[in-house]
Structure formats: C-alpha cells, structure tokens
Amino acid sequence: WAGYVDSTPDGVPAIGEVEGIPGFVLAAGFSGHGFGIGPGAGHMIADIITGSEPIVDPRPYWPERFKTAAWGKVAEF
C-alpha cells in the first residue's frame, strides 16, 4: 500500500468557502479519516453550499483559521 495522507497542521479538516474565491468550497485535510467522517462532512458541505442551517457548527473547520497560524497564534513571516 502506498498513498498520500493529506493533513492540516492542527489535524482538523479545512471545510468552508475560501475567502477571495466566491463559490469555492474547500474540503481537505481529513488525514486518512475521510471514509469515517465523510458522510457527516458531506452533509455539512451540502448545507454550506445550499445555504441551509449546517448540522454542526462549521466555524471550527473554516480554512481561514490558518491565517493566524496552525495553533491560533499570529503567523510571523
């Protein structure tokens, strides 16, 4: 077996519309758990896209959380 396991710095998937690219919804970084959490994530993504009330709070998954760095600290570049 060989493959690539995508992951985010904090280990939590990035799910949500990408700021600056209207209509582009990102769902990545499931770190190998996509099969298990895929149905719930898919439902939440569908809710986001259709404008329905999400089944869970999507804010912890927003891709924009990395603007302050992986652990919520201000990034120094």
Protein backbone atom coordinates (compact mmCIF):
# COMPACT_ATOMS: atom_id res chain seq x y z
CA TRP A 1 0.00 0.00 0.00
CA ALA A 2 1.16 3.46 -0.79
CA GLY A 3 -0.59 6.76 -0.84
CA TYR A 4 -0.68 10.31 0.34
CA VAL A 5 -2.50 11.23 3.53
CA ASP A 6 -3.42 14.90 3.49
CA SER A 7 -3.47 16.66 6.80
CA THR A 8 -3.72 20.16 8.17
CA PRO A 9 -1.24 21.50 10.74
CA ASP A 10 -3.79 21.11 13.54
CA GLY A 11 -5.17 17.76 12.34
CA VAL A 12 -8.68 19.14 11.80
CA PRO A 13 -10.13 19.18 8.26
CA ALA A 14 -10.43 22.51 6.45
CA ILE A 15 -14.03 22.84 5.31
CA GLY A 16 -15.67 26.00 4.04
CA GLU A 17 -15.74 28.68 1.42
CA VAL A 18 -12.31 30.09 0.64
CA GLU A 19 -12.11 33.83 1.20
CA GLY A 20 -11.38 35.68 -2.02
CA ILE A 21 -12.73 32.90 -4.26
CA PRO A 22 -16.54 33.19 -4.11
CA GLY A 23 -18.30 29.87 -4.57
CA PHE A 24 -15.18 27.77 -3.99
CA VAL A 25 -15.80 25.44 -1.07
CA LEU A 26 -12.75 23.56 0.20
CA ALA A 27 -12.98 20.19 1.92
CA ALA A 28 -9.48 18.82 2.55
CA GLY A 29 -7.11 17.63 5.24
CA PHE A 30 -9.09 14.69 6.56
CA SER A 31 -5.77 12.93 7.38
CA GLY A 32 -6.99 9.47 6.43
CA HIS A 33 -10.29 9.75 8.29
CA GLY A 34 -12.35 10.85 5.29
CA PHE A 35 -14.01 7.47 4.95
CA GLY A 36 -15.28 7.55 8.52
CA ILE A 37 -16.31 11.18 8.77
CA GLY A 38 -17.17 11.62 5.09
CA PRO A 39 -20.95 11.24 5.44
CA GLY A 40 -21.23 13.93 8.13
CA ALA A 41 -18.73 16.20 6.40
CA GLY A 42 -20.58 15.75 3.10
CA HIS A 43 -23.86 16.71 4.76
CA MET A 44 -22.29 19.80 6.30
CA ILE A 45 -20.70 20.78 2.98
CA ALA A 46 -24.05 20.38 1.21
CA ASP A 47 -25.64 22.59 3.88
CA ILE A 48 -22.96 25.24 3.39
CA ILE A 49 -23.36 25.20 -0.40
CA THR A 50 -27.16 25.33 -0.34
CA GLY A 51 -27.35 27.92 2.44
CA SER A 52 -29.17 25.55 4.79
CA GLU A 53 -28.59 25.51 8.55
CA PRO A 54 -25.49 23.28 8.99
CA ILE A 55 -25.94 20.11 11.02
CA VAL A 56 -22.91 21.13 13.11
CA ASP A 57 -21.16 24.44 13.71
CA PRO A 58 -18.81 24.83 10.73
CA ARG A 59 -16.65 27.55 12.31
CA PRO A 60 -14.01 25.21 13.79
CA TYR A 61 -13.39 23.90 10.26
CA TRP A 62 -13.06 27.23 8.42
CA PRO A 63 -9.94 27.29 6.24
CA GLU A 64 -9.35 30.92 7.25
CA ARG A 65 -8.30 29.77 10.73
CA PHE A 66 -4.79 29.27 9.36
CA LYS A 67 -4.37 32.99 8.74
CA THR A 68 -3.25 33.23 12.36
CA ALA A 69 -1.14 30.02 12.13
CA ALA A 70 -1.87 26.41 12.95
CA TRP A 71 -2.37 26.88 16.68
CA GLY A 72 -4.17 30.21 16.70
CA LYS A 73 -1.07 32.37 17.14
CA VAL A 74 -0.24 35.21 14.81
CA ALA A 75 1.91 33.94 11.97
CA GLU A 76 5.28 35.62 11.57
CA PHE A 77 6.51 35.67 8.01
